[in-house]
Amino acid sequence: MSQNVQAISGKANGSVPMAAEGFLFAGWYLDSACTVPVPESWVNSADHKLTPVKTGAVWQDTTYYAKFIALETNLTIQVQGADDRDAMQTFLFQIVGKPGTETADVKLTVAITGNGSVTITQVPTGEYTITELESWAWRYDSTEAVREMNLQYSETGHTVVFAHNRDQGKW
């Protein structure tokens, strides 16, 4: 949205950010890289409305930038502790959204071979239970087979490590 303001006597109406579905408003900025925030006193905390204040005798031609972040993140599941003799051992993990939350409909299973990892992209933010299906890799015990995670937006994503011990030496 743009607004023309008379250089000397004009008053800015301001702007309220409107996040598209799947995005969250993260703040107002003075630069396109969204690294320099506008002064806090220019933003209404209730609705995030930006109302700039004239900083000199005349309004300057200025652009303000609204930053939005996706309500998704990446999740990496990593396996450690698989014996080199079992390089082709497969470990299965189930990711389930927590009942009663926005992620309740999310349910998927991933396979990891050996001491590998898998990254799941565009995971909706929210609460999850990540469970190793231990009966699949019966030779190994996980030190912690169930993890509860609250995945928030992160540019780098989240990593969960499952450490294993080879308990059964023979098939």
C-alpha atoms as a PDB file:
ATOM      1  CA  MET A   1       0.000   0.000   0.000  1.00  0.00           C
ATOM      2  CA  SER A   2       1.276   3.461  -0.740  1.00  0.00           C
ATOM      3  CA  GLN A   3       0.172   6.872   0.457  1.00  0.00           C
ATOM      4  CA  ASN A   4       0.940  10.351  -0.796  1.00  0.00           C
ATOM      5  CA  VAL A   5       1.452  12.863   2.006  1.00  0.00           C
ATOM      6  CA  GLN A   6       1.871  16.614   1.613  1.00  0.00           C
ATOM      7  CA  ALA A   7       5.519  17.343   2.269  1.00  0.00           C
ATOM      8  CA  ILE A   8       5.041  19.897   5.068  1.00  0.00           C
ATOM      9  CA  SER A   9       1.494  19.739   6.416  1.00  0.00           C
ATOM     10  CA  GLY A  10       0.540  16.126   5.620  1.00  0.00           C
ATOM     11  CA  LYS A  11      -0.253  13.357   8.075  1.00  0.00           C
ATOM     12  CA  ALA A  12       0.452   9.684   7.455  1.00  0.00           C
ATOM     13  CA  ASN A  13      -2.546   7.344   7.767  1.00  0.00           C
ATOM     14  CA  GLY A  14      -0.393   4.330   8.428  1.00  0.00           C
ATOM     15  CA  SER A  15      -0.724   0.713   7.367  1.00  0.00           C
ATOM     16  CA  VAL A  16      -1.837  -2.535   9.001  1.00  0.00           C
ATOM     17  CA  PRO A  17       0.014  -5.671   7.823  1.00  0.00           C
ATOM     18  CA  MET A  18      -2.112  -8.467   6.378  1.00  0.00           C
ATOM     19  CA  ALA A  19      -0.468 -11.886   6.529  1.00  0.00           C
ATOM     20  CA  ALA A  20      -1.490 -14.393   3.872  1.00  0.00           C
ATOM     21  CA  GLU A  21      -2.582 -17.830   5.044  1.00  0.00           C
ATOM     22  CA  GLY A  22       0.423 -19.805   6.259  1.00  0.00           C
ATOM     23  CA  PHE A  23       2.424 -16.716   7.197  1.00  0.00           C
ATOM     24  CA  LEU A  24       2.983 -14.684  10.343  1.00  0.00           C
ATOM     25  CA  PHE A  25       3.769 -10.976  10.555  1.00  0.00           C
ATOM     26  CA  ALA A  26       7.272 -10.513  12.002  1.00  0.00           C
ATOM     27  CA  GLY A  27       7.756  -6.738  12.057  1.00  0.00           C
ATOM     28  CA  TRP A  28       8.203  -3.462  10.204  1.00  0.00           C
ATOM     29  CA  TYR A  29      11.608  -2.506   8.784  1.00  0.00           C
ATOM     30  CA  LEU A  30      13.382   0.435   7.149  1.00  0.00           C
ATOM     31  CA  ASP A  31      15.384  -1.688   4.671  1.00  0.00           C
ATOM     32  CA  SER A  32      14.423  -4.320   2.106  1.00  0.00           C
ATOM     33  CA  ALA A  33      16.606  -6.941   3.841  1.00  0.00           C
ATOM     34  CA  CYS A  34      14.476  -6.453   6.979  1.00  0.00           C
ATOM     35  CA  THR A  35      17.438  -5.928   9.297  1.00  0.00           C
ATOM     36  CA  VAL A  36      16.747  -2.369  10.531  1.00  0.00           C
ATOM     37  CA  PRO A  37      13.468  -2.144  12.469  1.00  0.00           C
ATOM     38  CA  VAL A  38      11.349   1.003  12.472  1.00  0.00           C
ATOM     39  CA  PRO A  39      11.180   2.852  15.821  1.00  0.00           C
ATOM     40  CA  GLU A  40       8.924   0.939  18.235  1.00  0.00           C
ATOM     41  CA  SER A  41       6.904   4.080  18.952  1.00  0.00           C
ATOM     42  CA  TRP A  42       5.642   4.048  15.336  1.00  0.00           C
ATOM     43  CA  VAL A  43       3.923   0.654  15.725  1.00  0.00           C
ATOM     44  CA  ASN A  44       0.659  -0.032  17.541  1.00  0.00           C
ATOM     45  CA  SER A  45       1.213  -3.216  19.542  1.00  0.00           C
ATOM     46  CA  ALA A  46      -2.441  -4.311  19.281  1.00  0.00           C
ATOM     47  CA  ASP A  47      -2.780  -4.522  15.489  1.00  0.00           C
ATOM     48  CA  HIS A  48       0.830  -3.859  14.370  1.00  0.00           C
ATOM     49  CA  LYS A  49      -0.289  -0.729  12.502  1.00  0.00           C
ATOM     50  CA  LEU A  50       2.682   1.311  11.324  1.00  0.00           C
ATOM     51  CA  THR A  51       2.160   5.071  11.539  1.00  0.00           C
ATOM     52  CA  PRO A  52       5.400   6.831  10.583  1.00  0.00           C
ATOM     53  CA  VAL A  53       6.346  10.104  12.233  1.00  0.00           C
ATOM     54  CA  LYS A  54       7.874  12.985  10.300  1.00  0.00           C
ATOM     55  CA  THR A  55      11.499  13.208  11.445  1.00  0.00           C
ATOM     56  CA  GLY A  56      12.354  16.612   9.967  1.00  0.00           C
ATOM     57  CA  ALA A  57      10.542  19.691   8.672  1.00  0.00           C
ATOM     58  CA  VAL A  58       9.473  17.836   5.514  1.00  0.00           C
ATOM     59  CA  TRP A  59       8.225  14.292   4.895  1.00  0.00           C
ATOM     60  CA  GLN A  60      10.810  12.215   3.059  1.00  0.00           C
ATOM     61  CA  ASP A  61       9.998   9.781   0.230  1.00  0.00           C
ATOM     62  CA  THR A  62      10.391   6.546   2.206  1.00  0.00           C
ATOM     63  CA  THR A  63       9.472   2.893   1.798  1.00  0.00           C
ATOM     64  CA  TYR A  64       8.759   0.701   4.825  1.00  0.00           C
ATOM     65  CA  TYR A  65       8.899  -3.079   4.647  1.00  0.00           C
ATOM     66  CA  ALA A  66       6.635  -5.578   6.381  1.00  0.00           C
ATOM     67  CA  LYS A  67       8.366  -8.903   7.121  1.00  0.00           C
ATOM     68  CA  PHE A  68       6.360 -12.116   7.091  1.00  0.00           C
ATOM     69  CA  ILE A  69       7.607 -15.586   7.976  1.00  0.00           C
ATOM     70  CA  ALA A  70       6.244 -18.908   6.818  1.00  0.00           C
ATOM     71  CA  LEU A  71       4.527 -21.033   9.405  1.00  0.00           C
ATOM     72  CA  GLU A  72       6.608 -24.027   8.337  1.00  0.00           C
ATOM     73  CA  THR A  73      10.054 -25.291   9.126  1.00  0.00           C
ATOM     74  CA  ASN A  74      12.373 -28.188   8.335  1.00  0.00           C
ATOM     75  CA  LEU A  75      12.888 -31.232  10.535  1.00  0.00           C
ATOM     76  CA  THR A  76      16.005 -33.415  10.329  1.00  0.00           C
ATOM     77  CA  ILE A  77      16.022 -36.813  12.014  1.00  0.00           C
ATOM     78  CA  GLN A  78      19.517 -38.226  12.494  1.00  0.00           C
ATOM     79  CA  VAL A  79      20.624 -41.716  13.550  1.00  0.00           C
ATOM     80  CA  GLN A  80      23.842 -42.331  15.485  1.00  0.00           C
ATOM     81  CA  GLY A  81      25.354 -45.501  16.919  1.00  0.00           C
ATOM     82  CA  ALA A  82      24.637 -48.007  14.148  1.00  0.00           C
ATOM     83  CA  ASP A  83      27.489 -50.495  13.901  1.00  0.00           C
ATOM     84  CA  ASP A  84      29.525 -50.385  10.661  1.00  0.00           C
ATOM     85  CA  ARG A  85      28.687 -54.079  10.150  1.00  0.00           C
ATOM     86  CA  ASP A  86      25.044 -53.007   9.870  1.00  0.00           C
ATOM     87  CA  ALA A  87      25.573 -50.206   7.364  1.00  0.00           C
ATOM     88  CA  MET A  88      22.367 -51.189   5.568  1.00  0.00           C
ATOM     89  CA  GLN A  89      20.250 -51.421   8.746  1.00  0.00           C
ATOM     90  CA  THR A  90      17.032 -49.442   8.337  1.00  0.00           C
ATOM     91  CA  PHE A  91      15.488 -47.427  11.146  1.00  0.00           C
ATOM     92  CA  LEU A  92      11.873 -46.242  10.913  1.00  0.00           C
ATOM     93  CA  PHE A  93      10.436 -43.124  12.526  1.00  0.00           C
ATOM     94  CA  GLN A  94       6.879 -41.897  12.751  1.00  0.00           C
ATOM     95  CA  ILE A  95       6.097 -38.181  13.011  1.00  0.00           C
ATOM     96  CA  VAL A  96       2.609 -37.452  14.341  1.00  0.00           C
ATOM     97  CA  GLY A  97       0.972 -34.106  15.095  1.00  0.00           C
ATOM     98  CA  LYS A  98      -0.226 -33.749  18.666  1.00  0.00           C
ATOM     99  CA  PRO A  99      -3.976 -34.418  19.093  1.00  0.00           C
ATOM    100  CA  GLY A 100      -6.042 -31.309  19.724  1.00  0.00           C
ATOM    101  CA  THR A 101      -3.571 -28.986  17.975  1.00  0.00           C
ATOM    102  CA  GLU A 102      -3.321 -27.522  14.457  1.00  0.00           C
ATOM    103  CA  THR A 103      -0.948 -30.340  13.507  1.00  0.00           C
ATOM    104  CA  ALA A 104      -3.297 -33.153  14.550  1.00  0.00           C
ATOM    105  CA  ASP A 105      -3.760 -34.301  10.924  1.00  0.00           C
ATOM    106  CA  VAL A 106      -0.020 -34.658  10.246  1.00  0.00           C
ATOM    107  CA  LYS A 107       1.248 -38.237  10.196  1.00  0.00           C
ATOM    108  CA  LEU A 108       4.167 -39.604   8.238  1.00  0.00           C
ATOM    109  CA  THR A 109       6.798 -42.314   8.442  1.00  0.00           C
ATOM    110  CA  VAL A 110      10.408 -41.981   7.291  1.00  0.00           C
ATOM    111  CA  ALA A 111      13.196 -44.538   6.875  1.00  0.00           C
ATOM    112  CA  ILE A 112      16.880 -43.904   7.574  1.00  0.00           C
ATOM    113  CA  THR A 113      19.664 -46.289   6.600  1.00  0.00           C
ATOM    114  CA  GLY A 114      22.652 -46.734   8.908  1.00  0.00           C
ATOM    115  CA  ASN A 115      24.075 -43.637  10.566  1.00  0.00           C
ATOM    116  CA  GLY A 116      22.218 -41.382   8.175  1.00  0.00           C
ATOM    117  CA  SER A 117      19.645 -38.662   8.357  1.00  0.00           C
ATOM    118  CA  VAL A 118      16.592 -37.429   6.531  1.00  0.00           C
ATOM    119  CA  THR A 119      15.289 -33.875   6.303  1.00  0.00           C
ATOM    120  CA  ILE A 120      11.588 -33.257   5.960  1.00  0.00           C
ATOM    121  CA  THR A 121      10.898 -29.852   4.455  1.00  0.00           C
ATOM    122  CA  GLN A 122       7.907 -27.557   4.854  1.00  0.00           C
ATOM    123  CA  VAL A 123       6.707 -29.101   8.111  1.00  0.00           C
ATOM    124  CA  PRO A 124       3.874 -26.999   9.592  1.00  0.00           C
ATOM    125  CA  THR A 125       4.950 -25.410  12.860  1.00  0.00           C
ATOM    126  CA  GLY A 126       3.402 -26.922  15.975  1.00  0.00           C
ATOM    127  CA  GLU A 127       3.598 -29.823  18.392  1.00  0.00           C
ATOM    128  CA  TYR A 128       4.707 -33.297  17.345  1.00  0.00           C
ATOM    129  CA  THR A 129       5.595 -36.697  18.721  1.00  0.00           C
ATOM    130  CA  ILE A 130       8.481 -38.421  16.952  1.00  0.00           C
ATOM    131  CA  THR A 131       8.633 -42.147  17.674  1.00  0.00           C
ATOM    132  CA  GLU A 132      11.173 -44.694  16.552  1.00  0.00           C
ATOM    133  CA  LEU A 133       9.438 -47.902  15.510  1.00  0.00           C
ATOM    134  CA  GLU A 134      11.902 -50.090  17.404  1.00  0.00           C
ATOM    135  CA  SER A 135      10.461 -53.460  16.431  1.00  0.00           C
ATOM    136  CA  TRP A 136      11.744 -52.827  12.920  1.00  0.00           C
ATOM    137  CA  ALA A 137      15.403 -52.626  14.027  1.00  0.00           C
ATOM    138  CA  TRP A 138      15.213 -55.224  16.794  1.00  0.00           C
ATOM    139  CA  ARG A 139      19.010 -55.533  17.107  1.00  0.00           C
ATOM    140  CA  TYR A 140      19.201 -51.959  18.380  1.00  0.00           C
ATOM    141  CA  ASP A 141      17.824 -50.137  21.390  1.00  0.00           C
ATOM    142  CA  SER A 142      17.334 -46.417  21.181  1.00  0.00           C
ATOM    143  CA  THR A 143      18.354 -44.490  24.275  1.00  0.00           C
ATOM    144  CA  GLU A 144      15.194 -42.393  23.884  1.00  0.00           C
ATOM    145  CA  ALA A 145      12.643 -43.778  21.399  1.00  0.00           C
ATOM    146  CA  VAL A 146       9.929 -41.115  21.796  1.00  0.00           C
ATOM    147  CA  ARG A 147      10.464 -37.370  21.538  1.00  0.00           C
ATOM    148  CA  GLU A 148       7.982 -34.563  22.037  1.00  0.00           C
ATOM    149  CA  MET A 149       8.855 -31.485  19.995  1.00  0.00           C
ATOM    150  CA  ASN A 150       7.334 -28.055  19.560  1.00  0.00           C
ATOM    151  CA  LEU A 151       8.588 -26.984  16.141  1.00  0.00           C
ATOM    152  CA  GLN A 152       8.666 -23.228  15.709  1.00  0.00           C
ATOM    153  CA  TYR A 153       9.689 -21.337  12.620  1.00  0.00           C
ATOM    154  CA  SER A 154      13.446 -21.429  12.117  1.00  0.00           C
ATOM    155  CA  GLU A 155      15.462 -20.579   9.017  1.00  0.00           C
ATOM    156  CA  THR A 156      17.868 -23.393   9.864  1.00  0.00           C
ATOM    157  CA  GLY A 157      15.196 -25.912  10.898  1.00  0.00           C
ATOM    158  CA  HIS A 158      15.317 -28.404  13.750  1.00  0.00           C
ATOM    159  CA  THR A 159      17.368 -31.564  14.274  1.00  0.00           C
ATOM    160  CA  VAL A 160      16.582 -34.495  16.527  1.00  0.00           C
ATOM    161  CA  VAL A 161      19.220 -37.187  17.086  1.00  0.00           C
ATOM    162  CA  PHE A 162      18.387 -40.777  17.977  1.00  0.00           C
ATOM    163  CA  ALA A 163      21.372 -42.574  19.548  1.00  0.00           C
ATOM    164  CA  HIS A 164      21.484 -46.374  19.399  1.00  0.00           C
ATOM    165  CA  ASN A 165      23.168 -49.310  21.077  1.00  0.00           C
ATOM    166  CA  ARG A 166      23.592 -52.639  19.235  1.00  0.00           C
ATOM    167  CA  ASP A 167      22.164 -55.025  21.817  1.00  0.00           C
ATOM    168  CA  GLN A 168      21.609 -58.162  19.706  1.00  0.00           C
ATOM    169  CA  GLY A 169      24.825 -59.397  18.110  1.00  0.00           C
ATOM    170  CA  LYS A 170      23.337 -62.370  16.302  1.00  0.00           C
ATOM    171  CA  TRP A 171      20.471 -62.725  13.877  1.00  0.00           C
END
